[in-house]
C-alpha cells in the first residue's frame, strides 16, 4: 500500500504540472481582463492539434514545434481579444464575455472538425512512450518534461509580471484599470497582449496533454474546461503561482483517492474545491480586494 501511495503522489504531482500549463493562461487572462475564458479548453486542444499537424506533416519534434505553435497561438489570442472581447463594454461586459468566449470555442471546434475530423488522434515522439527508473518507479519522460516545462513557464510569467516594465503595466491594470489609464498605461494594448500570452501558454499545455493522454479529438476541450475552472478558483482567481500549487494538490488528491475508490476520484476533486472555498472563499492564494474598473 505504501508503494501505491507513493506512486499516486508522484503521478499527482507530475499530472499537476501538466494541468498547470493549461490553467495558468486562464488565470492570467482573468487577472487582467476580469473575464472567464470559457474557450480555454478548446484552446488547449487547438494547441495539441497544431503540434499534431507539425509532427505529422513536417516531422518536427514536439518540443521544437513549440517554437511555431506558441507564437501562432499568441497571434490567435490577440486577434480574439481585439475582435470579440474588446468591443464589449458596460455593466454586462463580464456576462457577455462568457457568451463571446463560448462562441469562439464553437468556431474553433467547428474548424477542428472540418480540418481533422472527429476521430481521436495522439501525439507521438521517441520519448513519449519511454520512461526512466527513479526511486524504484518508472516515470514517463513526457510527464517529467511537462512538469519541468510548467515550472519554467510559471517562473517566466512571474519574472515578466514582477521584473519588467510591461509586467508593472499588467499589475497596474489588474489592480485599478482606471488609475492605470490615468498614469499613461495603454490598457487596451495590455489586455490584448496579456490575452495573447494566456492563450500562447496553452500551446505548451496542449502539446503535453496530447502526448501524455490517451488521445484527443475536437470535442475534448469540454472535458478540460470544468477542471481548469475548478483549479483557478481553488488557487484564487488571478494567482499565477497558485495555479501550479493547486494543480499539484488537486491531481495528487485525485490520484490518491483513485487507489481505493476509482469511481469517487473525480467527485472528491470537486468536493475538495467546495470545502476549501467554504473555509477560504478567495481560494488558497487569493486576496480579498475590491477591484476598481
C-alpha atoms as a PDB file:
ATOM      1  CA  UNK A   1       0.000   0.000   0.000  1.00  0.00           C
ATOM      2  CA  UNK A   2       2.884   2.352   0.817  1.00  0.00           C
ATOM      3  CA  UNK A   3       4.299   1.839  -2.668  1.00  0.00           C
ATOM      4  CA  UNK A   4       0.933   2.543  -4.281  1.00  0.00           C
ATOM      5  CA  UNK A   5       0.504   5.691  -2.211  1.00  0.00           C
ATOM      6  CA  UNK A   6       3.950   6.971  -3.161  1.00  0.00           C
ATOM      7  CA  UNK A   7       3.251   6.245  -6.813  1.00  0.00           C
ATOM      8  CA  UNK A   8      -0.079   8.094  -6.552  1.00  0.00           C
ATOM      9  CA  UNK A   9       1.621  11.150  -5.049  1.00  0.00           C
ATOM     10  CA  UNK A  10       4.299  11.195  -7.752  1.00  0.00           C
ATOM     11  CA  UNK A  11       1.729  10.785 -10.516  1.00  0.00           C
ATOM     12  CA  UNK A  12      -0.393  13.512  -8.992  1.00  0.00           C
ATOM     13  CA  UNK A  13       2.486  15.977  -8.799  1.00  0.00           C
ATOM     14  CA  UNK A  14       3.562  15.298 -12.374  1.00  0.00           C
ATOM     15  CA  UNK A  15      -0.032  15.427 -13.617  1.00  0.00           C
ATOM     16  CA  UNK A  16      -0.496  18.672 -11.727  1.00  0.00           C
ATOM     17  CA  UNK A  17       2.329  20.192 -13.739  1.00  0.00           C
ATOM     18  CA  UNK A  18       0.529  19.305 -16.953  1.00  0.00           C
ATOM     19  CA  UNK A  19      -2.724  20.866 -15.757  1.00  0.00           C
ATOM     20  CA  UNK A  20      -0.866  23.945 -14.543  1.00  0.00           C
ATOM     21  CA  UNK A  21       0.351  24.508 -18.090  1.00  0.00           C
ATOM     22  CA  UNK A  22      -3.266  24.594 -19.204  1.00  0.00           C
ATOM     23  CA  UNK A  23      -4.620  26.610 -16.252  1.00  0.00           C
ATOM     24  CA  UNK A  24      -2.019  29.357 -15.830  1.00  0.00           C
ATOM     25  CA  UNK A  25      -3.091  31.152 -19.009  1.00  0.00           C
ATOM     26  CA  UNK A  26      -6.700  31.087 -17.860  1.00  0.00           C
ATOM     27  CA  UNK A  27      -5.906  32.702 -14.515  1.00  0.00           C
ATOM     28  CA  UNK A  28      -3.649  35.301 -16.166  1.00  0.00           C
ATOM     29  CA  UNK A  29      -6.458  36.341 -18.514  1.00  0.00           C
ATOM     30  CA  UNK A  30      -8.887  36.633 -15.621  1.00  0.00           C
ATOM     31  CA  UNK A  31      -6.454  38.693 -13.569  1.00  0.00           C
ATOM     32  CA  UNK A  32      -6.109  41.384 -16.238  1.00  0.00           C
ATOM     33  CA  UNK A  33      -9.379  41.300 -18.164  1.00  0.00           C
ATOM     34  CA  UNK A  34     -11.636  40.177 -15.303  1.00  0.00           C
ATOM     35  CA  UNK A  35     -13.313  37.609 -17.547  1.00  0.00           C
ATOM     36  CA  UNK A  36     -13.505  33.817 -17.587  1.00  0.00           C
ATOM     37  CA  UNK A  37     -12.232  32.461 -20.889  1.00  0.00           C
ATOM     38  CA  UNK A  38     -14.639  29.568 -21.482  1.00  0.00           C
ATOM     39  CA  UNK A  39     -12.756  28.824 -24.709  1.00  0.00           C
ATOM     40  CA  UNK A  40      -9.590  27.853 -22.806  1.00  0.00           C
ATOM     41  CA  UNK A  41     -10.310  24.120 -23.002  1.00  0.00           C
ATOM     42  CA  UNK A  42     -10.749  24.270 -26.769  1.00  0.00           C
ATOM     43  CA  UNK A  43      -7.597  26.410 -26.995  1.00  0.00           C
ATOM     44  CA  UNK A  44      -5.672  23.595 -25.327  1.00  0.00           C
ATOM     45  CA  UNK A  45      -6.969  21.160 -27.933  1.00  0.00           C
ATOM     46  CA  UNK A  46      -6.144  23.616 -30.707  1.00  0.00           C
ATOM     47  CA  UNK A  47      -2.571  23.728 -29.411  1.00  0.00           C
ATOM     48  CA  UNK A  48      -2.485  19.933 -29.393  1.00  0.00           C
ATOM     49  CA  UNK A  49      -3.716  19.788 -32.989  1.00  0.00           C
ATOM     50  CA  UNK A  50      -1.152  22.356 -34.136  1.00  0.00           C
ATOM     51  CA  UNK A  51       1.584  20.178 -32.626  1.00  0.00           C
ATOM     52  CA  UNK A  52      -0.007  17.167 -34.281  1.00  0.00           C
ATOM     53  CA  UNK A  53      -0.012  18.853 -37.701  1.00  0.00           C
ATOM     54  CA  UNK A  54       3.630  19.905 -37.413  1.00  0.00           C
ATOM     55  CA  UNK A  55       4.653  16.448 -36.215  1.00  0.00           C
ATOM     56  CA  UNK A  56       2.773  14.509 -38.898  1.00  0.00           C
ATOM     57  CA  UNK A  57       3.243  16.758 -41.922  1.00  0.00           C
ATOM     58  CA  UNK A  58       6.598  18.443 -41.230  1.00  0.00           C
ATOM     59  CA  UNK A  59       8.048  15.743 -38.949  1.00  0.00           C
ATOM     60  CA  UNK A  60       9.032  18.317 -36.339  1.00  0.00           C
ATOM     61  CA  UNK A  61       9.860  17.235 -32.811  1.00  0.00           C
ATOM     62  CA  UNK A  62       7.041  18.120 -30.415  1.00  0.00           C
ATOM     63  CA  UNK A  63       9.155  20.484 -28.318  1.00  0.00           C
ATOM     64  CA  UNK A  64      10.791  22.048 -31.363  1.00  0.00           C
ATOM     65  CA  UNK A  65       7.326  22.614 -32.767  1.00  0.00           C
ATOM     66  CA  UNK A  66       6.538  24.864 -29.803  1.00  0.00           C
ATOM     67  CA  UNK A  67       8.762  27.482 -31.442  1.00  0.00           C
ATOM     68  CA  UNK A  68       5.998  27.730 -34.052  1.00  0.00           C
ATOM     69  CA  UNK A  69       2.835  26.901 -32.119  1.00  0.00           C
ATOM     70  CA  UNK A  70       3.453  29.279 -29.192  1.00  0.00           C
ATOM     71  CA  UNK A  71       3.809  32.408 -31.401  1.00  0.00           C
ATOM     72  CA  UNK A  72       0.896  31.218 -33.557  1.00  0.00           C
ATOM     73  CA  UNK A  73      -1.343  30.830 -30.511  1.00  0.00           C
ATOM     74  CA  UNK A  74      -0.218  34.239 -29.257  1.00  0.00           C
ATOM     75  CA  UNK A  75      -1.376  35.853 -32.500  1.00  0.00           C
ATOM     76  CA  UNK A  76      -4.670  33.946 -32.349  1.00  0.00           C
ATOM     77  CA  UNK A  77      -5.195  35.149 -28.791  1.00  0.00           C
ATOM     78  CA  UNK A  78      -4.560  38.798 -29.680  1.00  0.00           C
ATOM     79  CA  UNK A  79      -6.981  38.565 -32.615  1.00  0.00           C
ATOM     80  CA  UNK A  80      -9.686  37.019 -30.414  1.00  0.00           C
ATOM     81  CA  UNK A  81      -9.290  39.713 -27.773  1.00  0.00           C
ATOM     82  CA  UNK A  82      -9.429  42.558 -30.290  1.00  0.00           C
ATOM     83  CA  UNK A  83     -12.295  41.122 -32.339  1.00  0.00           C
ATOM     84  CA  UNK A  84     -14.510  39.521 -29.686  1.00  0.00           C
ATOM     85  CA  UNK A  85     -13.635  40.822 -26.213  1.00  0.00           C
ATOM     86  CA  UNK A  86     -12.550  44.449 -26.610  1.00  0.00           C
ATOM     87  CA  UNK A  87     -15.838  45.636 -28.171  1.00  0.00           C
ATOM     88  CA  UNK A  88     -17.740  44.590 -25.014  1.00  0.00           C
ATOM     89  CA  UNK A  89     -18.472  47.456 -22.615  1.00  0.00           C
ATOM     90  CA  UNK A  90     -20.810  48.381 -19.817  1.00  0.00           C
ATOM     91  CA  UNK A  91     -22.188  46.560 -16.810  1.00  0.00           C
ATOM     92  CA  UNK A  92     -22.953  43.444 -18.847  1.00  0.00           C
ATOM     93  CA  UNK A  93     -19.364  43.088 -20.056  1.00  0.00           C
ATOM     94  CA  UNK A  94     -18.472  40.122 -17.850  1.00  0.00           C
ATOM     95  CA  UNK A  95     -21.558  38.083 -18.707  1.00  0.00           C
ATOM     96  CA  UNK A  96     -21.316  38.969 -22.379  1.00  0.00           C
ATOM     97  CA  UNK A  97     -17.645  37.935 -22.420  1.00  0.00           C
ATOM     98  CA  UNK A  98     -18.723  34.446 -21.344  1.00  0.00           C
ATOM     99  CA  UNK A  99     -21.009  34.249 -24.377  1.00  0.00           C
ATOM    100  CA  UNK A 100     -18.303  35.689 -26.629  1.00  0.00           C
ATOM    101  CA  UNK A 101     -15.674  33.188 -25.468  1.00  0.00           C
ATOM    102  CA  UNK A 102     -18.203  30.359 -25.827  1.00  0.00           C
ATOM    103  CA  UNK A 103     -18.842  31.490 -29.404  1.00  0.00           C
ATOM    104  CA  UNK A 104     -15.082  31.420 -30.008  1.00  0.00           C
ATOM    105  CA  UNK A 105     -14.972  27.867 -28.639  1.00  0.00           C
ATOM    106  CA  UNK A 106     -17.733  26.771 -31.031  1.00  0.00           C
ATOM    107  CA  UNK A 107     -15.964  28.360 -34.007  1.00  0.00           C
ATOM    108  CA  UNK A 108     -12.619  26.723 -33.178  1.00  0.00           C
ATOM    109  CA  UNK A 109     -14.249  23.371 -32.524  1.00  0.00           C
ATOM    110  CA  UNK A 110     -16.027  23.531 -35.875  1.00  0.00           C
ATOM    111  CA  UNK A 111     -12.787  24.378 -37.653  1.00  0.00           C
ATOM    112  CA  UNK A 112     -11.011  21.452 -35.982  1.00  0.00           C
ATOM    113  CA  UNK A 113     -13.782  19.065 -37.062  1.00  0.00           C
ATOM    114  CA  UNK A 114     -13.503  20.436 -40.594  1.00  0.00           C
ATOM    115  CA  UNK A 115      -9.726  20.010 -40.886  1.00  0.00           C
ATOM    116  CA  UNK A 116      -9.067  16.966 -38.698  1.00  0.00           C
ATOM    117  CA  UNK A 117     -12.366  15.099 -38.437  1.00  0.00           C
ATOM    118  CA  UNK A 118     -13.984  13.549 -35.358  1.00  0.00           C
ATOM    119  CA  UNK A 119     -11.559  10.658 -34.787  1.00  0.00           C
ATOM    120  CA  UNK A 120      -9.205  10.602 -31.815  1.00  0.00           C
ATOM    121  CA  UNK A 121      -5.518  11.221 -32.522  1.00  0.00           C
ATOM    122  CA  UNK A 122      -2.386  11.075 -30.385  1.00  0.00           C
ATOM    123  CA  UNK A 123       0.963  12.841 -30.386  1.00  0.00           C
ATOM    124  CA  UNK A 124       3.948  10.579 -30.899  1.00  0.00           C
ATOM    125  CA  UNK A 125       7.672  11.043 -30.403  1.00  0.00           C
ATOM    126  CA  UNK A 126      10.531   8.714 -29.405  1.00  0.00           C
ATOM    127  CA  UNK A 127      10.308   9.812 -25.765  1.00  0.00           C
ATOM    128  CA  UNK A 128       6.515   9.703 -25.411  1.00  0.00           C
ATOM    129  CA  UNK A 129       6.348   6.003 -24.552  1.00  0.00           C
ATOM    130  CA  UNK A 130       9.678   5.814 -22.739  1.00  0.00           C
ATOM    131  CA  UNK A 131      10.276   6.114 -19.021  1.00  0.00           C
ATOM    132  CA  UNK A 132      13.141   6.443 -16.582  1.00  0.00           C
ATOM    133  CA  UNK A 133      13.622   4.371 -13.440  1.00  0.00           C
ATOM    134  CA  UNK A 134      13.752   6.673 -10.430  1.00  0.00           C
ATOM    135  CA  UNK A 135      13.207   5.906  -6.730  1.00  0.00           C
ATOM    136  CA  UNK A 136      12.036   2.454  -7.696  1.00  0.00           C
ATOM    137  CA  UNK A 137       9.368   3.767 -10.085  1.00  0.00           C
ATOM    138  CA  UNK A 138       9.161   4.074 -13.851  1.00  0.00           C
ATOM    139  CA  UNK A 139       8.397   7.720 -14.602  1.00  0.00           C
ATOM    140  CA  UNK A 140       7.349   8.669 -18.153  1.00  0.00           C
ATOM    141  CA  UNK A 141       9.732  11.106 -19.794  1.00  0.00           C
ATOM    142  CA  UNK A 142       6.852  13.155 -21.192  1.00  0.00           C
ATOM    143  CA  UNK A 143       5.413  13.709 -17.707  1.00  0.00           C
ATOM    144  CA  UNK A 144       8.797  14.795 -16.364  1.00  0.00           C
ATOM    145  CA  UNK A 145       9.312  17.116 -19.327  1.00  0.00           C
ATOM    146  CA  UNK A 146       5.812  18.502 -18.887  1.00  0.00           C
ATOM    147  CA  UNK A 147       6.354  19.222 -15.205  1.00  0.00           C
ATOM    148  CA  UNK A 148       9.688  20.914 -15.914  1.00  0.00           C
ATOM    149  CA  UNK A 149       8.104  22.983 -18.678  1.00  0.00           C
ATOM    150  CA  UNK A 150       5.289  24.048 -16.325  1.00  0.00           C
ATOM    151  CA  UNK A 151       7.765  25.237 -13.687  1.00  0.00           C
ATOM    152  CA  UNK A 152       9.815  27.145 -16.294  1.00  0.00           C
ATOM    153  CA  UNK A 153       6.789  28.862 -17.839  1.00  0.00           C
ATOM    154  CA  UNK A 154       5.240  29.789 -14.487  1.00  0.00           C
ATOM    155  CA  UNK A 155       8.608  31.215 -13.401  1.00  0.00           C
ATOM    156  CA  UNK A 156       8.907  33.121 -16.700  1.00  0.00           C
ATOM    157  CA  UNK A 157       5.451  34.645 -16.261  1.00  0.00           C
ATOM    158  CA  UNK A 158       6.308  35.579 -12.685  1.00  0.00           C
ATOM    159  CA  UNK A 159       9.517  37.303 -13.824  1.00  0.00           C
ATOM    160  CA  UNK A 160       7.573  39.102 -16.552  1.00  0.00           C
ATOM    161  CA  UNK A 161       4.996  40.344 -14.038  1.00  0.00           C
ATOM    162  CA  UNK A 162       7.413  41.489 -11.333  1.00  0.00           C
ATOM    163  CA  UNK A 163      10.669  42.294 -13.113  1.00  0.00           C
ATOM    164  CA  UNK A 164       9.653  44.098 -16.317  1.00  0.00           C
ATOM    165  CA  UNK A 165       8.028  47.396 -17.255  1.00  0.00           C
ATOM    166  CA  UNK A 166       5.301  45.566 -19.148  1.00  0.00           C
ATOM    167  CA  UNK A 167       4.678  43.461 -16.044  1.00  0.00           C
ATOM    168  CA  UNK A 168       4.151  46.625 -13.999  1.00  0.00           C
ATOM    169  CA  UNK A 169       1.603  47.739 -16.575  1.00  0.00           C
ATOM    170  CA  UNK A 170      -0.167  44.390 -16.249  1.00  0.00           C
ATOM    171  CA  UNK A 171      -0.258  44.584 -12.448  1.00  0.00           C
ATOM    172  CA  UNK A 172      -1.467  48.185 -12.566  1.00  0.00           C
ATOM    173  CA  UNK A 173      -4.289  47.143 -14.891  1.00  0.00           C
ATOM    174  CA  UNK A 174      -5.155  44.231 -12.618  1.00  0.00           C
ATOM    175  CA  UNK A 175      -5.382  46.478  -9.558  1.00  0.00           C
ATOM    176  CA  UNK A 176      -7.160  49.507 -10.990  1.00  0.00           C
ATOM    177  CA  UNK A 177      -7.908  49.844 -14.701  1.00  0.00           C
ATOM    178  CA  UNK A 178      -8.964  53.493 -14.487  1.00  0.00           C
ATOM    179  CA  UNK A 179      -5.942  54.576 -12.454  1.00  0.00           C
ATOM    180  CA  UNK A 180      -3.667  52.724 -14.870  1.00  0.00           C
ATOM    181  CA  UNK A 181      -5.148  54.704 -17.755  1.00  0.00           C
ATOM    182  CA  UNK A 182      -4.624  57.975 -15.866  1.00  0.00           C
ATOM    183  CA  UNK A 183      -0.894  57.315 -15.439  1.00  0.00           C
ATOM    184  CA  UNK A 184      -0.471  56.560 -19.141  1.00  0.00           C
ATOM    185  CA  UNK A 185      -0.876  52.783 -19.389  1.00  0.00           C
ATOM    186  CA  UNK A 186      -2.404  51.686 -22.692  1.00  0.00           C
ATOM    187  CA  UNK A 187      -4.863  49.264 -21.123  1.00  0.00           C
ATOM    188  CA  UNK A 188      -6.188  48.062 -24.493  1.00  0.00           C
ATOM    189  CA  UNK A 189      -2.674  47.078 -25.567  1.00  0.00           C
ATOM    190  CA  UNK A 190      -2.012  45.430 -22.200  1.00  0.00           C
ATOM    191  CA  UNK A 191      -5.285  43.492 -22.421  1.00  0.00           C
ATOM    192  CA  UNK A 192      -4.602  42.275 -25.972  1.00  0.00           C
ATOM    193  CA  UNK A 193      -1.023  41.195 -25.236  1.00  0.00           C
ATOM    194  CA  UNK A 194      -1.998  39.535 -21.954  1.00  0.00           C
ATOM    195  CA  UNK A 195      -4.800  37.609 -23.641  1.00  0.00           C
ATOM    196  CA  UNK A 196      -2.303  36.562 -26.302  1.00  0.00           C
ATOM    197  CA  UNK A 197       0.183  35.378 -23.669  1.00  0.00           C
ATOM    198  CA  UNK A 198      -2.543  33.489 -21.814  1.00  0.00           C
ATOM    199  CA  UNK A 199      -3.528  31.669 -24.997  1.00  0.00           C
ATOM    200  CA  UNK A 200       0.089  31.126 -26.093  1.00  0.00           C
ATOM    201  CA  UNK A 201       0.868  29.192 -22.910  1.00  0.00           C
ATOM    202  CA  UNK A 202      -1.879  26.720 -23.803  1.00  0.00           C
ATOM    203  CA  UNK A 203       0.163  25.666 -26.847  1.00  0.00           C
ATOM    204  CA  UNK A 204       2.629  24.046 -24.451  1.00  0.00           C
ATOM    205  CA  UNK A 205      -0.162  22.658 -22.293  1.00  0.00           C
ATOM    206  CA  UNK A 206      -1.937  21.225 -25.330  1.00  0.00           C
ATOM    207  CA  UNK A 207       1.210  19.551 -26.607  1.00  0.00           C
ATOM    208  CA  UNK A 208       1.950  17.870 -23.275  1.00  0.00           C
ATOM    209  CA  UNK A 209      -1.712  16.926 -22.817  1.00  0.00           C
ATOM    210  CA  UNK A 210      -1.866  15.381 -26.286  1.00  0.00           C
ATOM    211  CA  UNK A 211       1.339  13.423 -25.763  1.00  0.00           C
ATOM    212  CA  UNK A 212       0.600  12.147 -22.254  1.00  0.00           C
ATOM    213  CA  UNK A 213      -3.114  11.385 -22.575  1.00  0.00           C
ATOM    214  CA  UNK A 214      -4.986   8.614 -24.319  1.00  0.00           C
ATOM    215  CA  UNK A 215      -5.820  10.707 -27.361  1.00  0.00           C
ATOM    216  CA  UNK A 216      -7.961  13.738 -28.154  1.00  0.00           C
ATOM    217  CA  UNK A 217     -10.488  14.986 -30.685  1.00  0.00           C
ATOM    218  CA  UNK A 218     -12.121  18.400 -31.285  1.00  0.00           C
ATOM    219  CA  UNK A 219     -14.680  17.741 -28.554  1.00  0.00           C
ATOM    220  CA  UNK A 220     -12.083  17.048 -25.844  1.00  0.00           C
ATOM    221  CA  UNK A 221     -11.966  20.681 -24.739  1.00  0.00           C
ATOM    222  CA  UNK A 222     -15.252  20.362 -22.879  1.00  0.00           C
ATOM    223  CA  UNK A 223     -13.760  17.665 -20.672  1.00  0.00           C
ATOM    224  CA  UNK A 224     -10.985  20.058 -19.693  1.00  0.00           C
ATOM    225  CA  UNK A 225     -12.657  23.408 -19.055  1.00  0.00           C
ATOM    226  CA  UNK A 226     -14.578  22.348 -15.916  1.00  0.00           C
ATOM    227  CA  UNK A 227     -11.374  21.076 -14.293  1.00  0.00           C
ATOM    228  CA  UNK A 228      -9.387  24.135 -15.320  1.00  0.00           C
ATOM    229  CA  UNK A 229     -12.033  26.443 -13.884  1.00  0.00           C
ATOM    230  CA  UNK A 230     -12.043  24.443 -10.651  1.00  0.00           C
ATOM    231  CA  UNK A 231      -8.267  24.735 -10.412  1.00  0.00           C
ATOM    232  CA  UNK A 232      -8.055  28.509 -10.873  1.00  0.00           C
ATOM    233  CA  UNK A 233     -10.941  29.056  -8.434  1.00  0.00           C
ATOM    234  CA  UNK A 234      -9.192  26.886  -5.864  1.00  0.00           C
ATOM    235  CA  UNK A 235      -5.896  28.708  -6.444  1.00  0.00           C
ATOM    236  CA  UNK A 236      -7.505  32.127  -6.165  1.00  0.00           C
ATOM    237  CA  UNK A 237      -8.567  33.883  -9.328  1.00  0.00           C
ATOM    238  CA  UNK A 238      -5.571  35.692 -10.784  1.00  0.00           C
ATOM    239  CA  UNK A 239      -2.911  33.816  -8.771  1.00  0.00           C
ATOM    240  CA  UNK A 240      -0.215  32.539 -11.158  1.00  0.00           C
ATOM    241  CA  UNK A 241       1.873  30.524  -8.704  1.00  0.00           C
ATOM    242  CA  UNK A 242      -1.311  29.351  -7.020  1.00  0.00           C
ATOM    243  CA  UNK A 243      -2.418  27.702 -10.261  1.00  0.00           C
ATOM    244  CA  UNK A 244       0.671  25.461 -10.179  1.00  0.00           C
ATOM    245  CA  UNK A 245       0.296  24.580  -6.481  1.00  0.00           C
ATOM    246  CA  UNK A 246      -3.457  23.995  -6.751  1.00  0.00           C
ATOM    247  CA  UNK A 247      -2.990  21.780  -9.800  1.00  0.00           C
ATOM    248  CA  UNK A 248      -0.469  19.582  -7.995  1.00  0.00           C
ATOM    249  CA  UNK A 249      -2.623  19.467  -4.855  1.00  0.00           C
ATOM    250  CA  UNK A 250      -5.852  18.510  -6.629  1.00  0.00           C
ATOM    251  CA  UNK A 251      -4.305  15.992  -9.018  1.00  0.00           C
ATOM    252  CA  UNK A 252      -2.440  14.358  -6.139  1.00  0.00           C
ATOM    253  CA  UNK A 253      -5.640  14.137  -4.108  1.00  0.00           C
ATOM    254  CA  UNK A 254      -7.496  12.619  -7.038  1.00  0.00           C
ATOM    255  CA  UNK A 255      -4.693  10.140  -7.664  1.00  0.00           C
ATOM    256  CA  UNK A 256      -4.684   9.023  -4.007  1.00  0.00           C
ATOM    257  CA  UNK A 257      -8.447   8.539  -3.873  1.00  0.00           C
ATOM    258  CA  UNK A 258      -8.247   6.590  -7.113  1.00  0.00           C
ATOM    259  CA  UNK A 259      -6.300   3.874  -5.260  1.00  0.00           C
ATOM    260  CA  UNK A 260      -9.275   2.936  -3.089  1.00  0.00           C
ATOM    261  CA  UNK A 261     -12.354   4.231  -4.937  1.00  0.00           C
ATOM    262  CA  UNK A 262     -11.714   4.983  -8.635  1.00  0.00           C
ATOM    263  CA  UNK A 263     -15.355   5.929  -9.159  1.00  0.00           C
ATOM    264  CA  UNK A 264     -15.111   8.621  -6.486  1.00  0.00           C
ATOM    265  CA  UNK A 265     -11.848  10.241  -7.545  1.00  0.00           C
ATOM    266  CA  UNK A 266     -13.441  12.928  -9.699  1.00  0.00           C
ATOM    267  CA  UNK A 267     -16.171  13.605  -7.113  1.00  0.00           C
ATOM    268  CA  UNK A 268     -13.563  14.120  -4.392  1.00  0.00           C
ATOM    269  CA  UNK A 269     -11.779  16.526  -6.747  1.00  0.00           C
ATOM    270  CA  UNK A 270     -14.771  18.879  -6.701  1.00  0.00           C
ATOM    271  CA  UNK A 271     -15.704  18.157  -3.079  1.00  0.00           C
ATOM    272  CA  UNK A 272     -12.262  19.372  -2.013  1.00  0.00           C
ATOM    273  CA  UNK A 273     -12.843  22.528  -4.056  1.00  0.00           C
ATOM    274  CA  UNK A 274     -16.128  23.216  -2.261  1.00  0.00           C
ATOM    275  CA  UNK A 275     -14.557  22.540   1.156  1.00  0.00           C
ATOM    276  CA  UNK A 276     -11.671  24.929   0.549  1.00  0.00           C
ATOM    277  CA  UNK A 277     -13.983  27.673  -0.685  1.00  0.00           C
ATOM    278  CA  UNK A 278     -16.231  27.279   2.357  1.00  0.00           C
ATOM    279  CA  UNK A 279     -13.201  27.895   4.570  1.00  0.00           C
ATOM    280  CA  UNK A 280     -11.457  30.468   2.354  1.00  0.00           C
ATOM    281  CA  UNK A 281     -13.792  31.899  -0.328  1.00  0.00           C
ATOM    282  CA  UNK A 282     -10.952  33.697  -2.115  1.00  0.00           C
ATOM    283  CA  UNK A 283      -9.147  30.391  -2.752  1.00  0.00           C
ATOM    284  CA  UNK A 284      -5.847  29.154  -1.382  1.00  0.00           C
ATOM    285  CA  UNK A 285      -3.795  32.089  -2.642  1.00  0.00           C
ATOM    286  CA  UNK A 286      -6.440  34.685  -3.483  1.00  0.00           C
ATOM    287  CA  UNK A 287      -6.588  38.032  -1.742  1.00  0.00           C
ATOM    288  CA  UNK A 288      -9.772  39.803  -0.713  1.00  0.00           C
ATOM    289  CA  UNK A 289      -9.738  43.087  -2.551  1.00  0.00           C
ATOM    290  CA  UNK A 290     -12.125  45.394  -4.302  1.00  0.00           C
ATOM    291  CA  UNK A 291     -11.144  45.836  -7.886  1.00  0.00           C
ATOM    292  CA  UNK A 292     -11.764  49.204  -9.475  1.00  0.00           C
ATOM    293  CA  UNK A 293     -12.820  49.312 -13.077  1.00  0.00           C
END
